[in-house]
N, C-alpha and C. Protein backbone atom coordinates (compact mmCIF):
# COMPACT_ATOMS: atom_id res chain seq x y z
N UNK A 1 -92.47 156.29 38.37
CA UNK A 1 -91.21 155.91 39.39
C UNK A 1 -91.82 154.26 40.21
N UNK A 2 -90.62 154.67 40.91
CA UNK A 2 -90.87 152.81 42.09
C UNK A 2 -91.54 153.47 43.24
N UNK A 3 -92.02 152.51 43.84
CA UNK A 3 -92.81 152.56 44.91
C UNK A 3 -91.81 153.51 46.08
N UNK A 4 -90.91 153.66 46.86
CA UNK A 4 -89.58 153.90 47.40
C UNK A 4 -89.33 155.09 47.29
N UNK A 5 -89.41 155.58 45.60
CA UNK A 5 -88.83 156.98 44.88
C UNK A 5 -88.12 156.70 44.44
N UNK A 6 -86.96 155.31 44.07
CA UNK A 6 -85.80 155.00 43.45
C UNK A 6 -86.39 154.46 41.81
N UNK A 7 -86.24 155.21 40.88
CA UNK A 7 -86.53 154.68 40.01
C UNK A 7 -84.97 154.29 39.09
N UNK A 8 -84.49 153.14 37.94
CA UNK A 8 -83.04 152.88 37.66
C UNK A 8 -83.04 152.88 36.35
N UNK A 9 -84.75 152.87 35.12
CA UNK A 9 -84.77 153.17 34.49
C UNK A 9 -83.77 154.22 33.92
N UNK A 10 -83.95 154.11 31.91
CA UNK A 10 -82.51 155.41 31.86
C UNK A 10 -83.03 156.65 31.50
N UNK A 11 -84.60 156.45 31.19
CA UNK A 11 -85.65 157.46 30.80
C UNK A 11 -86.29 158.07 31.84
N UNK A 12 -86.56 156.93 32.89
CA UNK A 12 -86.81 158.06 34.19
C UNK A 12 -86.83 159.22 34.75
N UNK A 13 -87.40 160.47 34.10
CA UNK A 13 -87.25 161.70 34.46
C UNK A 13 -88.26 162.33 35.84
N UNK A 14 -87.40 162.86 36.75
CA UNK A 14 -87.41 163.11 37.74
C UNK A 14 -88.27 164.31 37.68
N UNK A 15 -89.10 164.41 38.68
CA UNK A 15 -90.76 165.97 38.69
C UNK A 15 -90.07 167.04 38.10
N UNK A 16 -88.98 167.43 38.19
CA UNK A 16 -88.22 168.56 37.71
C UNK A 16 -87.99 168.70 36.02
N UNK A 17 -87.98 167.76 35.59
CA UNK A 17 -87.92 167.11 34.23
C UNK A 17 -86.12 167.22 33.62
N UNK A 18 -85.47 166.26 34.73
CA UNK A 18 -84.27 166.23 34.56
C UNK A 18 -84.04 164.14 34.74
N UNK A 19 -82.96 163.96 33.67
CA UNK A 19 -83.09 162.53 33.86
C UNK A 19 -82.32 161.90 34.64
N UNK A 20 -83.14 161.27 35.55
CA UNK A 20 -82.31 160.65 36.73
C UNK A 20 -81.39 160.22 37.11
N UNK A 21 -81.27 159.37 35.80
CA UNK A 21 -79.82 158.43 35.94
C UNK A 21 -78.71 158.81 35.32
N UNK A 22 -78.70 159.87 34.46
CA UNK A 22 -77.83 160.79 34.35
C UNK A 22 -77.39 162.28 36.00
N UNK A 23 -78.34 162.04 36.50
CA UNK A 23 -77.87 163.06 37.67
C UNK A 23 -76.88 161.81 38.42
N UNK A 24 -77.24 160.96 38.46
CA UNK A 24 -76.92 160.00 39.61
C UNK A 24 -75.11 160.12 38.97
N UNK A 25 -75.34 159.61 37.91
CA UNK A 25 -73.55 159.01 36.74
C UNK A 25 -73.14 161.05 37.70
N UNK A 26 -73.41 161.37 36.40
CA UNK A 26 -72.33 163.23 37.27
C UNK A 26 -72.37 163.47 38.46
N UNK A 27 -73.70 163.40 39.55
CA UNK A 27 -72.52 163.03 40.61
C UNK A 27 -71.55 162.12 41.03
N UNK A 28 -71.66 160.98 40.16
CA UNK A 28 -70.79 159.73 40.62
C UNK A 28 -69.31 160.65 39.60
N UNK A 29 -68.89 160.75 38.67
CA UNK A 29 -68.32 161.85 37.93
C UNK A 29 -67.66 162.57 39.11
N UNK A 30 -68.80 163.37 39.36
CA UNK A 30 -67.77 164.67 40.74
C UNK A 30 -67.02 163.91 42.10
N UNK A 31 -67.93 163.08 42.45
CA UNK A 31 -67.11 162.57 43.50
C UNK A 31 -66.28 161.46 43.05
N UNK A 32 -65.23 161.19 42.03
CA UNK A 32 -64.45 160.56 41.98
C UNK A 32 -62.97 160.91 42.18
N UNK A 33 -61.91 160.37 41.65
CA UNK A 33 -60.53 160.99 41.67
C UNK A 33 -60.23 162.31 40.91
N UNK A 34 -59.50 163.32 41.69
CA UNK A 34 -59.78 164.11 41.13
C UNK A 34 -58.46 164.51 40.01
N UNK A 35 -58.74 164.79 38.37
CA UNK A 35 -58.43 164.70 37.68
C UNK A 35 -57.94 166.15 36.92
N UNK A 36 -57.01 166.14 36.50
CA UNK A 36 -56.49 167.76 35.85
C UNK A 36 -56.23 167.23 34.24
N UNK A 37 -56.86 168.57 33.37
CA UNK A 37 -55.66 168.13 31.47
C UNK A 37 -55.36 169.54 31.45
N UNK A 38 -54.83 169.54 30.88
CA UNK A 38 -54.09 171.50 30.33
C UNK A 38 -53.85 170.84 29.06
N UNK A 39 -54.30 171.29 27.77
CA UNK A 39 -53.88 171.55 26.64
C UNK A 39 -52.76 173.24 26.13
N UNK A 40 -51.46 172.25 25.84
CA UNK A 40 -50.16 173.15 25.66
C UNK A 40 -50.36 173.69 24.66
N UNK A 41 -49.39 174.29 24.31
CA UNK A 41 -48.83 175.22 23.13
C UNK A 41 -48.30 173.91 22.02
N UNK A 42 -47.84 172.74 22.99
CA UNK A 42 -47.09 171.90 22.37
C UNK A 42 -47.14 170.38 23.07
N UNK A 43 -48.20 169.72 23.19
CA UNK A 43 -49.48 169.54 23.86
C UNK A 43 -50.18 168.98 24.70
N UNK A 44 -50.74 168.08 25.62
CA UNK A 44 -51.45 168.20 25.82
C UNK A 44 -50.72 167.24 27.18
N UNK A 45 -51.34 167.53 28.72
CA UNK A 45 -50.45 167.26 30.15
C UNK A 45 -52.05 167.07 30.80
N UNK A 46 -52.13 165.15 31.09
CA UNK A 46 -53.13 165.11 32.03
C UNK A 46 -52.82 164.31 33.32
N UNK A 47 -53.33 164.55 34.49
CA UNK A 47 -53.15 163.79 35.83
C UNK A 47 -53.96 163.64 36.58
N UNK A 48 -53.69 162.49 36.93
CA UNK A 48 -54.92 161.84 38.31
C UNK A 48 -54.27 161.50 39.65
N UNK A 49 -54.96 160.96 40.98
CA UNK A 49 -54.66 160.58 41.71
C UNK A 49 -55.11 158.97 41.95
N UNK A 50 -53.74 158.16 42.27
CA UNK A 50 -53.62 156.74 42.13
C UNK A 50 -53.48 156.52 43.40
N UNK A 51 -54.65 155.84 43.88
CA UNK A 51 -55.33 155.12 44.70
C UNK A 51 -54.08 154.07 45.50
N UNK A 52 -53.40 154.10 46.51
CA UNK A 52 -52.55 152.73 46.88
C UNK A 52 -53.64 151.61 47.35
N UNK A 53 -53.34 150.68 46.85
CA UNK A 53 -53.15 149.50 46.05
C UNK A 53 -52.77 148.21 47.23
N UNK A 54 -54.00 147.56 48.02
CA UNK A 54 -53.10 146.56 48.61
C UNK A 54 -52.04 146.26 47.85
N UNK A 55 -51.36 144.62 49.26
CA UNK A 55 -50.20 144.57 48.96
C UNK A 55 -49.79 143.88 47.77
N UNK A 56 -51.11 142.77 47.61
CA UNK A 56 -51.13 141.74 46.98
C UNK A 56 -51.35 142.54 44.98
N UNK A 57 -51.78 143.21 44.91
CA UNK A 57 -51.69 143.90 44.13
C UNK A 57 -51.10 144.37 42.92
N UNK A 58 -50.66 144.03 41.55
CA UNK A 58 -49.55 144.45 40.51
C UNK A 58 -49.92 145.83 39.92
N UNK A 59 -49.59 146.51 40.89
CA UNK A 59 -49.52 148.55 40.28
C UNK A 59 -48.73 148.16 38.92
N UNK A 60 -48.18 147.57 38.26
CA UNK A 60 -47.88 147.90 36.42
C UNK A 60 -49.01 147.62 36.29
N UNK A 61 -50.21 146.91 36.34
CA UNK A 61 -51.28 146.12 36.07
C UNK A 61 -52.47 147.19 35.32
N UNK A 62 -52.22 148.67 36.00
CA UNK A 62 -53.73 148.54 35.33
C UNK A 62 -53.06 150.34 35.95
N UNK A 63 -53.94 151.63 34.80
CA UNK A 63 -53.08 152.44 34.98
C UNK A 63 -54.23 153.53 34.89
N UNK A 64 -53.89 154.91 35.88
CA UNK A 64 -54.86 156.21 35.39
C UNK A 64 -55.07 156.94 33.92
N UNK A 65 -54.08 156.91 33.81
CA UNK A 65 -53.97 157.84 32.36
C UNK A 65 -53.42 156.50 31.69
N UNK A 66 -54.34 156.71 30.39
CA UNK A 66 -53.82 155.67 29.75
C UNK A 66 -54.26 156.77 27.83
N UNK A 67 -53.09 156.39 26.77
CA UNK A 67 -53.70 156.24 25.63
C UNK A 67 -54.73 155.95 25.00
N UNK A 68 -55.93 156.50 24.28
CA UNK A 68 -56.85 156.26 23.60
C UNK A 68 -56.56 156.32 21.96
N UNK A 69 -55.93 154.52 21.47
CA UNK A 69 -55.62 154.50 19.86
C UNK A 69 -56.24 153.73 19.66
N UNK A 70 -56.63 154.26 17.65
CA UNK A 70 -57.06 152.76 16.69
C UNK A 70 -56.59 151.62 17.79
N UNK A 71 -55.73 151.04 17.88
CA UNK A 71 -55.15 150.26 17.78
C UNK A 71 -55.89 149.37 19.22
N UNK A 72 -55.63 150.16 19.97
CA UNK A 72 -56.49 149.16 21.72
C UNK A 72 -57.61 149.63 21.94
N UNK A 73 -57.88 150.61 22.20
CA UNK A 73 -59.47 151.09 22.65
C UNK A 73 -61.04 151.24 20.97
N UNK A 74 -60.07 151.07 20.25
CA UNK A 74 -61.09 151.34 19.11
C UNK A 74 -60.75 150.43 17.95
N UNK A 75 -59.65 148.80 18.26
CA UNK A 75 -59.60 147.85 17.78
C UNK A 75 -60.99 147.60 16.14
N UNK A 76 -62.48 147.32 17.36
CA UNK A 76 -62.87 146.90 16.54
C UNK A 76 -63.20 147.83 15.61
N UNK A 77 -64.04 148.98 15.21
CA UNK A 77 -64.00 150.10 14.13
C UNK A 77 -63.30 149.93 13.12
N UNK A 78 -61.97 149.92 13.29
CA UNK A 78 -60.54 149.97 12.56
C UNK A 78 -60.87 148.06 11.52
N UNK A 79 -61.13 147.48 12.57
CA UNK A 79 -61.11 146.05 11.69
C UNK A 79 -62.07 145.98 11.27
N UNK A 80 -63.48 146.31 11.31
CA UNK A 80 -64.23 146.06 10.16
C UNK A 80 -64.32 147.72 9.30
N UNK A 81 -64.33 148.36 9.21
CA UNK A 81 -63.90 150.03 8.51
C UNK A 81 -62.84 149.84 7.75
N UNK A 82 -61.77 149.32 8.21
CA UNK A 82 -60.29 150.18 8.04
C UNK A 82 -60.13 151.72 8.18
N UNK A 83 -60.76 151.98 9.51
CA UNK A 83 -60.43 154.00 9.60
C UNK A 83 -60.88 153.85 11.00
N UNK A 84 -59.86 155.13 11.65
CA UNK A 84 -60.52 155.46 12.94
C UNK A 84 -61.16 155.27 13.43
N UNK A 85 -62.39 155.65 14.27
CA UNK A 85 -63.70 155.53 15.21
C UNK A 85 -63.60 157.11 14.97
N UNK A 86 -64.71 157.77 14.78
CA UNK A 86 -64.60 158.84 14.72
C UNK A 86 -65.11 159.03 16.50
N UNK A 87 -65.10 160.66 16.63
CA UNK A 87 -65.15 160.97 18.05
C UNK A 87 -66.89 160.19 18.30
N UNK A 88 -67.60 161.13 17.81
CA UNK A 88 -69.24 160.95 18.10
C UNK A 88 -69.59 160.16 17.77
N UNK A 89 -68.46 158.72 17.05
CA UNK A 89 -69.39 157.54 17.07
C UNK A 89 -68.51 156.61 19.03
N UNK A 90 -67.71 157.17 18.98
CA UNK A 90 -67.10 156.46 20.45
C UNK A 90 -67.40 156.95 21.58
N UNK A 91 -68.16 158.53 21.69
CA UNK A 91 -68.36 159.16 22.49
C UNK A 91 -70.16 158.57 22.49
N UNK A 92 -70.85 158.03 21.61
CA UNK A 92 -71.84 157.32 21.51
C UNK A 92 -71.43 155.75 22.37
N UNK A 93 -71.22 155.10 21.87
CA UNK A 93 -70.50 153.88 22.12
C UNK A 93 -70.23 153.88 23.59
N UNK A 94 -69.65 154.83 24.38
CA UNK A 94 -68.74 154.72 25.57
C UNK A 94 -70.61 155.60 26.32
N UNK A 95 -70.57 156.70 26.65
CA UNK A 95 -72.01 157.30 27.06
C UNK A 95 -72.92 157.07 26.86
N UNK A 96 -73.17 156.19 25.81
CA UNK A 96 -74.77 156.01 25.26
C UNK A 96 -75.46 154.95 25.56
N UNK A 97 -75.27 154.32 25.94
CA UNK A 97 -75.51 153.13 26.21
C UNK A 97 -76.06 153.28 27.87
N UNK A 98 -75.49 153.32 29.17
CA UNK A 98 -75.84 153.30 30.06
C UNK A 98 -74.76 154.51 31.23
N UNK A 99 -75.33 155.33 31.87
CA UNK A 99 -74.45 156.20 32.23
C UNK A 99 -73.74 155.42 33.37
N UNK A 100 -72.48 155.13 34.07
CA UNK A 100 -71.89 154.64 34.69
C UNK A 100 -71.23 155.48 35.83
N UNK A 101 -70.75 156.68 35.36
CA UNK A 101 -70.07 157.49 36.24
C UNK A 101 -69.05 157.52 35.16
N UNK A 102 -68.73 157.66 33.67
CA UNK A 102 -67.84 157.64 33.07
C UNK A 102 -66.96 158.25 32.56
N UNK A 103 -65.92 159.08 32.59
CA UNK A 103 -65.71 160.74 31.64
C UNK A 103 -64.37 160.12 30.76
N UNK A 104 -64.90 160.82 29.67
CA UNK A 104 -63.40 160.40 28.74
C UNK A 104 -62.97 162.03 28.00
N UNK A 105 -61.66 161.83 28.13
CA UNK A 105 -61.56 163.21 27.86
C UNK A 105 -63.05 164.31 27.93
N UNK A 106 -63.30 164.57 28.84
CA UNK A 106 -64.46 165.27 29.19
C UNK A 106 -65.53 165.04 28.52
N UNK A 107 -66.01 163.69 28.35
CA UNK A 107 -67.31 163.15 27.90
C UNK A 107 -68.45 162.71 28.88
N UNK A 108 -69.36 163.75 29.08
CA UNK A 108 -70.37 163.20 30.68
C UNK A 108 -70.75 162.07 30.34
N UNK A 109 -71.26 161.79 31.08
CA UNK A 109 -72.47 160.55 30.76
C UNK A 109 -73.94 160.39 29.94
N UNK A 110 -73.82 161.61 29.71
CA UNK A 110 -74.91 161.80 28.56
C UNK A 110 -74.52 161.60 27.57
N UNK A 111 -72.87 161.51 27.18
CA UNK A 111 -73.04 161.48 25.73
C UNK A 111 -72.33 162.72 25.38
N UNK A 112 -72.52 163.63 26.04
CA UNK A 112 -72.48 165.32 25.55
C UNK A 112 -70.22 165.12 25.52
N UNK A 113 -69.72 165.70 24.89
CA UNK A 113 -68.51 166.11 24.94
C UNK A 113 -67.73 167.51 24.11
N UNK A 114 -67.09 167.64 25.27
CA UNK A 114 -66.82 169.33 24.94
C UNK A 114 -64.64 169.16 24.97
N UNK A 115 -64.53 169.65 23.95
CA UNK A 115 -62.92 170.42 23.82
C UNK A 115 -63.13 171.31 25.18
N UNK A 116 -62.00 171.29 25.85
CA UNK A 116 -61.70 172.37 26.74
C UNK A 116 -59.95 172.25 26.89
N UNK A 117 -59.45 173.57 26.91
CA UNK A 117 -58.00 174.21 26.98
C UNK A 117 -57.75 173.94 27.91
N UNK A 118 -58.52 173.43 29.73
CA UNK A 118 -57.83 173.54 31.02
C UNK A 118 -58.99 173.14 31.29
N UNK A 119 -59.06 171.40 32.13
CA UNK A 119 -59.88 171.42 33.55
C UNK A 119 -59.81 170.96 34.26
N UNK A 120 -60.45 170.34 35.69
CA UNK A 120 -60.51 169.45 36.36
C UNK A 120 -61.70 169.32 36.40
N UNK A 121 -61.50 167.80 37.16
CA UNK A 121 -62.97 167.11 37.22
C UNK A 121 -62.65 166.17 38.77
N UNK A 122 -63.63 165.97 38.97
CA UNK A 122 -63.41 164.30 40.51
C UNK A 122 -64.14 165.59 41.52
N UNK A 123 -62.93 165.64 42.77
CA UNK A 123 -63.45 165.30 43.59
C UNK A 123 -62.70 167.11 44.02
N UNK A 124 -63.65 168.20 44.55
CA UNK A 124 -63.01 169.43 44.71
C UNK A 124 -62.37 169.53 43.48
N UNK A 125 -63.53 169.92 42.85
CA UNK A 125 -62.88 170.25 40.82
C UNK A 125 -63.29 171.42 41.02
N UNK A 126 -64.11 172.35 41.65
CA UNK A 126 -64.27 173.70 41.58
C UNK A 126 -63.02 173.89 42.16
N UNK A 127 -62.64 173.96 43.14
CA UNK A 127 -61.34 174.85 43.60
C UNK A 127 -59.38 174.38 42.28
N UNK A 128 -60.21 173.18 41.73
CA UNK A 128 -58.78 172.81 40.60
C UNK A 128 -59.42 173.81 39.38
N UNK A 129 -60.65 173.82 38.83
CA UNK A 129 -61.02 175.26 37.64
C UNK A 129 -60.33 176.23 38.00
N UNK A 130 -60.69 176.60 39.59
CA UNK A 130 -60.41 177.99 39.93
C UNK A 130 -59.56 177.90 39.77
N UNK A 131 -58.09 177.84 40.28
CA UNK A 131 -56.69 177.69 40.02
C UNK A 131 -56.62 177.69 38.50
N UNK A 132 -56.86 176.78 37.96
CA UNK A 132 -56.82 176.88 36.41
C UNK A 132 -57.10 178.40 35.61
N UNK A 133 -58.33 178.81 36.07
CA UNK A 133 -58.72 180.30 35.70
C UNK A 133 -57.33 180.68 35.57
N UNK A 134 -57.45 180.72 37.16
CA UNK A 134 -56.06 182.00 37.18
C UNK A 134 -53.90 182.16 36.71
N UNK A 135 -54.27 179.96 36.32
CA UNK A 135 -52.64 180.13 35.95
C UNK A 135 -52.46 179.77 34.78
N UNK A 136 -53.92 179.63 33.87
CA UNK A 136 -53.74 178.97 32.59
C UNK A 136 -53.04 180.05 31.07
N UNK A 137 -52.37 179.90 30.38
CA UNK A 137 -52.58 180.72 29.15
C UNK A 137 -52.33 179.76 28.22
N UNK A 138 -52.74 180.49 26.44
CA UNK A 138 -52.73 179.91 25.51
C UNK A 138 -51.46 179.17 24.67
N UNK A 139 -50.27 180.80 25.70
CA UNK A 139 -49.03 179.71 25.03
C UNK A 139 -48.16 179.41 25.86
N UNK A 140 -49.16 178.79 27.32
CA UNK A 140 -48.34 177.91 27.71
C UNK A 140 -47.06 176.20 27.48
N UNK A 141 -46.21 176.28 27.81
CA UNK A 141 -45.67 175.11 26.99
C UNK A 141 -45.76 173.82 27.90
N UNK A 142 -44.78 172.92 27.38
CA UNK A 142 -45.59 171.56 27.54
C UNK A 142 -45.09 171.45 29.34
N UNK A 143 -43.34 171.42 29.40
CA UNK A 143 -42.95 171.62 30.89
C UNK A 143 -43.74 172.48 31.23
N UNK A 144 -43.90 173.69 31.55
CA UNK A 144 -44.92 174.67 32.22
C UNK A 144 -46.52 174.05 33.10
N UNK A 145 -46.57 172.87 31.51
CA UNK A 145 -47.86 172.95 31.48
C UNK A 145 -47.54 170.99 32.54
N UNK A 146 -47.01 170.92 32.75
CA UNK A 146 -46.35 169.60 33.82
C UNK A 146 -46.57 170.04 34.93
N UNK A 147 -46.21 171.16 35.36
CA UNK A 147 -46.39 171.56 36.56
C UNK A 147 -47.00 172.72 37.14
N UNK A 148 -48.14 172.99 36.03
CA UNK A 148 -49.37 173.37 36.45
C UNK A 148 -50.49 172.51 36.52
N UNK A 149 -49.99 171.46 36.16
CA UNK A 149 -50.53 170.22 36.39
C UNK A 149 -50.87 169.84 37.55
N UNK A 150 -49.50 169.57 38.00
CA UNK A 150 -48.97 169.27 39.68
C UNK A 150 -50.41 170.08 40.74
N UNK A 151 -49.95 170.99 40.36
CA UNK A 151 -49.77 172.32 41.33
C UNK A 151 -51.47 172.30 41.37
N UNK A 152 -52.40 172.17 40.47
CA UNK A 152 -53.99 172.51 40.34
C UNK A 152 -54.06 170.86 40.68
N UNK A 153 -53.97 169.92 40.58
CA UNK A 153 -54.30 168.47 41.33
C UNK A 153 -53.56 168.92 42.66
N UNK A 154 -53.06 169.14 43.33
CA UNK A 154 -52.23 169.84 45.09
C UNK A 154 -53.64 170.65 45.05
N UNK A 155 -54.37 171.37 44.40
CA UNK A 155 -55.66 172.43 45.12
C UNK A 155 -56.53 171.11 45.43
N UNK A 156 -56.37 169.92 44.84
CA UNK A 156 -57.97 169.49 45.23
C UNK A 156 -57.62 168.08 45.77
N UNK A 157 -56.21 167.45 46.03
CA UNK A 157 -55.56 166.31 46.50
C UNK A 157 -56.07 166.18 48.15
N UNK A 158 -56.70 165.34 48.78
CA UNK A 158 -56.95 165.25 50.50
C UNK A 158 -55.26 164.25 50.81
N UNK A 159 -54.54 164.15 51.44
CA UNK A 159 -53.06 163.96 51.54
C UNK A 159 -51.63 164.50 50.77
N UNK A 160 -50.90 163.88 50.65
CA UNK A 160 -49.49 164.22 50.40
C UNK A 160 -50.00 163.88 49.73
N UNK A 161 -49.36 164.54 48.55
CA UNK A 161 -49.01 163.81 47.10
C UNK A 161 -47.70 163.18 46.88
N UNK A 162 -47.79 162.16 46.16
CA UNK A 162 -46.00 161.33 46.17
C UNK A 162 -46.28 161.59 44.76
N UNK A 163 -44.74 160.28 44.73
CA UNK A 163 -44.66 160.14 43.18
C UNK A 163 -45.59 158.98 43.37
N UNK A 164 -46.04 158.07 43.95
CA UNK A 164 -46.89 156.97 43.88
C UNK A 164 -47.91 156.66 44.00
N UNK A 165 -49.10 158.27 44.55
CA UNK A 165 -50.11 158.40 44.22
C UNK A 165 -50.56 159.30 43.55
N UNK A 166 -49.65 160.11 42.56
CA UNK A 166 -50.31 160.89 41.06
C UNK A 166 -50.05 159.74 40.08
N UNK A 167 -50.41 159.87 39.17
CA UNK A 167 -49.62 160.02 37.61
C UNK A 167 -50.30 160.70 36.60
N UNK A 168 -48.90 160.87 36.14
CA UNK A 168 -49.01 162.06 34.83
C UNK A 168 -48.44 161.23 33.41
N UNK A 169 -49.54 161.82 32.64
CA UNK A 169 -49.66 161.66 31.19
C UNK A 169 -48.98 162.78 29.98
N UNK A 170 -48.57 162.74 29.21
CA UNK A 170 -48.21 164.08 28.17
C UNK A 170 -48.22 163.08 26.46
N UNK A 171 -48.66 164.09 26.74
CA UNK A 171 -48.95 163.72 24.91
C UNK A 171 -48.64 164.77 23.73
N UNK A 172 -47.47 164.78 23.37
CA UNK A 172 -47.67 165.58 22.37
C UNK A 172 -46.27 164.63 20.78
N UNK A 173 -45.97 165.64 19.97
CA UNK A 173 -45.43 164.87 18.57
C UNK A 173 -44.74 163.61 18.74
N UNK A 174 -44.16 163.54 19.57
CA UNK A 174 -43.62 162.05 19.72
C UNK A 174 -44.69 160.58 20.22
N UNK A 175 -45.53 161.57 20.46
CA UNK A 175 -46.99 160.74 21.11
C UNK A 175 -46.82 160.95 22.80
N UNK A 176 -47.67 159.61 22.90
CA UNK A 176 -48.04 159.58 24.28
C UNK A 176 -47.26 158.63 25.08
N UNK A 177 -46.77 159.06 26.48
CA UNK A 177 -46.12 158.42 27.42
C UNK A 177 -46.35 159.18 28.68
N UNK A 178 -46.38 158.18 29.66
CA UNK A 178 -46.78 158.97 31.04
C UNK A 178 -45.31 159.16 31.99
N UNK A 179 -45.32 159.74 32.55
CA UNK A 179 -44.09 159.82 33.31
C UNK A 179 -43.57 158.77 34.40
N UNK A 180 -42.55 158.73 34.49
CA UNK A 180 -41.85 158.02 35.49
C UNK A 180 -42.53 158.33 36.61
N UNK A 181 -42.43 157.29 37.85
CA UNK A 181 -42.63 157.85 39.37
C UNK A 181 -40.97 158.67 39.79
N UNK A 182 -39.65 158.41 39.35
CA UNK A 182 -38.75 159.75 39.64
C UNK A 182 -39.07 160.62 38.89
N UNK A 183 -39.45 160.94 37.33
CA UNK A 183 -39.97 162.24 36.98
C UNK A 183 -41.05 162.85 37.94
N UNK A 184 -41.99 162.33 37.73
CA UNK A 184 -42.82 162.95 38.93
C UNK A 184 -42.32 162.83 40.06
N UNK A 185 -41.11 162.49 40.86
CA UNK A 185 -40.66 162.79 42.24
C UNK A 185 -40.06 164.08 41.88
N UNK A 186 -39.30 164.37 40.61
CA UNK A 186 -38.44 165.31 40.90
C UNK A 186 -39.42 166.52 40.09
N UNK A 187 -40.35 166.41 39.05
CA UNK A 187 -41.11 167.57 39.24
C UNK A 187 -42.24 168.15 40.38
N UNK A 188 -42.37 167.41 41.76
CA UNK A 188 -42.93 167.20 43.05
C UNK A 188 -41.68 168.05 43.63
N UNK A 189 -40.52 167.68 43.58
CA UNK A 189 -39.56 168.21 45.13
C UNK A 189 -39.68 169.49 43.55
N UNK A 190 -39.83 169.97 42.67
CA UNK A 190 -39.18 171.50 41.99
C UNK A 190 -40.21 172.30 42.33
N UNK A 191 -42.16 171.51 42.65
CA UNK A 191 -43.00 172.64 43.43
C UNK A 191 -43.02 172.71 44.43
N UNK A 192 -42.32 172.57 45.35
CA UNK A 192 -42.19 172.61 47.04
C UNK A 192 -42.08 173.56 47.27
């Protein structure tokens, strides 16, 4: 360990036997923007908080909810092998090199990945998970899942939710799409 009690080595263990950098990265994820995901009977819904950006920021250039496809984020693997990247390999590439607090479909910074039916992460994730445990059922339809995701996000949200500070994405047989701000506004009006 370094002379001041800090170690930046990836393989530095604490006196209790834990990898210190992994612990730091997990704490970074837990302190991030609240995010919620639900697997519905006919699709998946993801929602997260969008921080308000400075006036000169192009809002259309960055999204918090994005599709992960072989054509966008795994193109290199496809160009070399002409096949989609296996999940285990994607997790290893993103989480196995250095933990920066990244979460991918609940791939934690240690590189472990999990399948969830519904989960919450980020600030106040405990409240979100507790809310999901009460509301989730496996036969939940996509439309109901959108309402549940927004209600769950509201449990973890600091401040007032508007169509400008949350982003909702849905994925079903038709593919992935982000809800428009107008659609989000309508859902928010329906749950109030």
